[in-house]
Amino acid sequence: MEAKKAIILFASALLLTSTISSAQTSSSVNWPSKPVTFVLTQAPGGANDITGRALAQKLTEIYKQPFIVDNRPGHR
């Protein structure tokens, strides 16, 4: 059940990102100005990690700024 919620959350984030990237304004051109880190609270190699890395790769391509996935199992 928890994995299903995580997949829905990542799919929503991906949809939101694609919507935002297609409607960028001149004020958001400089965002992000430094690397962005995703903190994933589950172990590497799982569904969340794979989805998070795919999302980070796509965001890196869109914004030309590194998006880093940081796995920290049990972190809240």
N, C-alpha and C. Protein backbone atom coordinates (compact mmCIF):
# COMPACT_ATOMS: atom_id res chain seq x y z
N MET A 1 0.83 -1.19 0.00
CA MET A 1 0.00 0.00 0.00
C MET A 1 0.87 1.25 0.00
N GLU A 2 1.93 1.23 0.80
CA GLU A 2 2.83 2.38 0.89
C GLU A 2 3.57 2.62 -0.42
N ALA A 3 3.95 1.55 -1.10
CA ALA A 3 4.63 1.68 -2.39
C ALA A 3 3.69 2.29 -3.42
N LYS A 4 2.42 1.95 -3.35
CA LYS A 4 1.44 2.50 -4.27
C LYS A 4 1.31 4.01 -4.07
N LYS A 5 1.30 4.46 -2.82
CA LYS A 5 1.22 5.90 -2.53
C LYS A 5 2.46 6.62 -3.05
N ALA A 6 3.62 6.00 -2.89
CA ALA A 6 4.87 6.61 -3.35
C ALA A 6 4.88 6.74 -4.86
N ILE A 7 4.39 5.73 -5.56
CA ILE A 7 4.34 5.78 -7.02
C ILE A 7 3.39 6.89 -7.48
N ILE A 8 2.26 7.02 -6.81
CA ILE A 8 1.31 8.08 -7.15
C ILE A 8 1.93 9.44 -6.88
N LEU A 9 2.65 9.57 -5.79
CA LEU A 9 3.32 10.84 -5.45
C LEU A 9 4.36 11.20 -6.51
N PHE A 10 5.19 10.25 -6.91
CA PHE A 10 6.21 10.53 -7.92
C PHE A 10 5.57 10.83 -9.29
N ALA A 11 4.52 10.12 -9.63
CA ALA A 11 3.84 10.40 -10.90
C ALA A 11 3.25 11.81 -10.89
N SER A 12 2.70 12.20 -9.75
CA SER A 12 2.15 13.56 -9.61
C SER A 12 3.26 14.60 -9.73
N ALA A 13 4.39 14.33 -9.10
CA ALA A 13 5.52 15.25 -9.19
C ALA A 13 6.03 15.37 -10.62
N LEU A 14 6.08 14.26 -11.32
CA LEU A 14 6.52 14.28 -12.71
C LEU A 14 5.56 15.08 -13.58
N LEU A 15 4.27 14.89 -13.38
CA LEU A 15 3.26 15.65 -14.12
C LEU A 15 3.37 17.13 -13.80
N LEU A 16 3.52 17.46 -12.54
CA LEU A 16 3.66 18.86 -12.13
C LEU A 16 4.91 19.48 -12.74
N THR A 17 6.01 18.75 -12.73
CA THR A 17 7.26 19.24 -13.30
C THR A 17 7.12 19.50 -14.79
N SER A 18 6.48 18.59 -15.51
CA SER A 18 6.33 18.81 -16.94
C SER A 18 5.42 19.99 -17.22
N THR A 19 4.42 20.19 -16.39
CA THR A 19 3.53 21.34 -16.55
C THR A 19 4.27 22.64 -16.27
N ILE A 20 5.04 22.66 -15.21
CA ILE A 20 5.79 23.86 -14.84
C ILE A 20 6.84 24.18 -15.89
N SER A 21 7.54 23.16 -16.37
CA SER A 21 8.61 23.40 -17.34
C SER A 21 8.05 23.94 -18.66
N SER A 22 6.84 23.56 -19.01
CA SER A 22 6.26 24.07 -20.25
C SER A 22 5.69 25.47 -20.09
N ALA A 23 5.49 25.90 -18.86
CA ALA A 23 4.93 27.23 -18.61
C ALA A 23 5.90 28.11 -17.83
N GLN A 24 7.18 27.96 -18.09
CA GLN A 24 8.18 28.76 -17.38
C GLN A 24 8.01 30.24 -17.69
N THR A 25 8.28 31.05 -16.68
CA THR A 25 8.27 32.49 -16.88
C THR A 25 9.69 33.00 -16.78
N SER A 26 9.89 34.24 -17.16
CA SER A 26 11.25 34.80 -17.13
C SER A 26 11.79 34.92 -15.71
N SER A 27 10.92 35.03 -14.72
CA SER A 27 11.39 35.13 -13.35
C SER A 27 11.94 33.81 -12.81
N SER A 28 11.54 32.70 -13.39
CA SER A 28 12.00 31.40 -12.90
C SER A 28 13.17 30.84 -13.72
N VAL A 29 13.71 31.62 -14.62
CA VAL A 29 14.79 31.14 -15.48
C VAL A 29 16.02 30.79 -14.65
N ASN A 30 16.29 31.49 -13.57
CA ASN A 30 17.48 31.26 -12.76
C ASN A 30 17.29 30.19 -11.69
N TRP A 31 16.11 29.60 -11.59
CA TRP A 31 15.90 28.57 -10.59
C TRP A 31 16.13 27.21 -11.22
N PRO A 32 16.76 26.30 -10.60
CA PRO A 32 17.53 26.39 -9.37
C PRO A 32 18.94 26.90 -9.66
N SER A 33 19.48 27.62 -8.74
CA SER A 33 20.80 28.19 -8.94
C SER A 33 21.91 27.31 -8.36
N LYS A 34 21.53 26.25 -7.66
CA LYS A 34 22.51 25.31 -7.10
C LYS A 34 21.92 23.90 -7.14
N PRO A 35 22.72 22.86 -6.92
CA PRO A 35 22.20 21.48 -6.98
C PRO A 35 21.04 21.25 -6.00
N VAL A 36 20.10 20.42 -6.41
CA VAL A 36 18.94 20.07 -5.60
C VAL A 36 19.07 18.62 -5.18
N THR A 37 18.80 18.32 -3.91
CA THR A 37 18.92 16.96 -3.40
C THR A 37 17.55 16.41 -3.00
N PHE A 38 17.21 15.23 -3.56
CA PHE A 38 16.02 14.50 -3.13
C PHE A 38 16.46 13.55 -2.03
N VAL A 39 15.80 13.59 -0.88
CA VAL A 39 16.09 12.63 0.19
C VAL A 39 14.98 11.58 0.16
N LEU A 40 15.37 10.35 -0.20
CA LEU A 40 14.43 9.23 -0.25
C LEU A 40 14.60 8.41 1.01
N THR A 41 13.49 8.09 1.67
CA THR A 41 13.56 7.44 2.98
C THR A 41 13.54 5.92 2.92
N GLN A 42 13.79 5.35 1.75
CA GLN A 42 13.87 3.90 1.65
C GLN A 42 15.21 3.49 1.06
N ALA A 43 15.52 2.21 1.18
CA ALA A 43 16.81 1.69 0.75
C ALA A 43 16.98 1.81 -0.77
N PRO A 44 18.24 1.93 -1.22
CA PRO A 44 18.52 1.98 -2.66
C PRO A 44 18.09 0.68 -3.35
N GLY A 45 17.70 0.80 -4.61
CA GLY A 45 17.34 -0.37 -5.40
C GLY A 45 15.86 -0.68 -5.45
N GLY A 46 15.08 -0.01 -4.60
CA GLY A 46 13.64 -0.26 -4.59
C GLY A 46 12.92 0.59 -5.64
N ALA A 47 11.61 0.47 -5.65
CA ALA A 47 10.79 1.21 -6.62
C ALA A 47 10.94 2.72 -6.44
N ASN A 48 10.98 3.18 -5.19
CA ASN A 48 11.13 4.61 -4.94
C ASN A 48 12.47 5.13 -5.45
N ASP A 49 13.52 4.36 -5.26
CA ASP A 49 14.85 4.76 -5.70
C ASP A 49 14.89 4.85 -7.23
N ILE A 50 14.37 3.86 -7.90
CA ILE A 50 14.38 3.83 -9.37
C ILE A 50 13.57 5.00 -9.92
N THR A 51 12.38 5.22 -9.36
CA THR A 51 11.53 6.32 -9.81
C THR A 51 12.18 7.67 -9.49
N GLY A 52 12.74 7.79 -8.29
CA GLY A 52 13.40 9.04 -7.90
C GLY A 52 14.58 9.37 -8.80
N ARG A 53 15.36 8.37 -9.15
CA ARG A 53 16.51 8.61 -10.03
C ARG A 53 16.07 8.98 -11.45
N ALA A 54 14.99 8.36 -11.92
CA ALA A 54 14.47 8.72 -13.25
C ALA A 54 13.96 10.16 -13.24
N LEU A 55 13.27 10.53 -12.18
CA LEU A 55 12.77 11.90 -12.04
C LEU A 55 13.92 12.89 -11.94
N ALA A 56 14.94 12.55 -11.15
CA ALA A 56 16.10 13.43 -11.00
C ALA A 56 16.83 13.61 -12.33
N GLN A 57 16.95 12.54 -13.10
CA GLN A 57 17.62 12.63 -14.40
C GLN A 57 16.85 13.55 -15.34
N LYS A 58 15.54 13.41 -15.36
CA LYS A 58 14.71 14.24 -16.24
C LYS A 58 14.77 15.71 -15.82
N LEU A 59 14.72 15.97 -14.52
CA LEU A 59 14.81 17.34 -14.02
C LEU A 59 16.18 17.96 -14.33
N THR A 60 17.23 17.15 -14.25
CA THR A 60 18.58 17.63 -14.60
C THR A 60 18.63 18.05 -16.06
N GLU A 61 18.00 17.26 -16.93
CA GLU A 61 17.97 17.60 -18.36
C GLU A 61 17.17 18.88 -18.60
N ILE A 62 16.06 19.04 -17.91
CA ILE A 62 15.19 20.20 -18.12
C ILE A 62 15.84 21.48 -17.60
N TYR A 63 16.36 21.44 -16.37
CA TYR A 63 16.84 22.66 -15.72
C TYR A 63 18.35 22.88 -15.85
N LYS A 64 19.07 21.92 -16.43
CA LYS A 64 20.52 22.05 -16.60
C LYS A 64 21.23 22.32 -15.26
N GLN A 65 20.72 21.68 -14.22
CA GLN A 65 21.27 21.81 -12.87
C GLN A 65 21.17 20.43 -12.23
N PRO A 66 22.19 19.99 -11.49
CA PRO A 66 22.16 18.63 -10.93
C PRO A 66 21.03 18.44 -9.90
N PHE A 67 20.31 17.35 -10.06
CA PHE A 67 19.34 16.89 -9.07
C PHE A 67 19.89 15.58 -8.54
N ILE A 68 20.14 15.51 -7.26
CA ILE A 68 20.84 14.39 -6.64
C ILE A 68 19.87 13.58 -5.78
N VAL A 69 19.94 12.25 -5.88
CA VAL A 69 19.12 11.37 -5.05
C VAL A 69 19.96 10.90 -3.88
N ASP A 70 19.47 11.14 -2.67
CA ASP A 70 20.17 10.75 -1.45
C ASP A 70 19.28 9.77 -0.68
N ASN A 71 19.67 8.49 -0.68
CA ASN A 71 18.89 7.47 0.02
C ASN A 71 19.28 7.45 1.50
N ARG A 72 18.28 7.63 2.36
CA ARG A 72 18.50 7.58 3.80
C ARG A 72 17.38 6.74 4.43
N PRO A 73 17.56 5.42 4.43
CA PRO A 73 16.51 4.55 4.97
C PRO A 73 16.15 4.92 6.41
N GLY A 74 14.86 5.03 6.68
CA GLY A 74 14.38 5.34 8.01
C GLY A 74 14.43 6.81 8.39
N HIS A 75 14.93 7.65 7.53
CA HIS A 75 15.03 9.10 7.81
C HIS A 75 13.64 9.73 7.70
N ARG A 76 13.33 10.63 8.59
CA ARG A 76 12.03 11.33 8.52
C ARG A 76 12.24 12.80 8.53
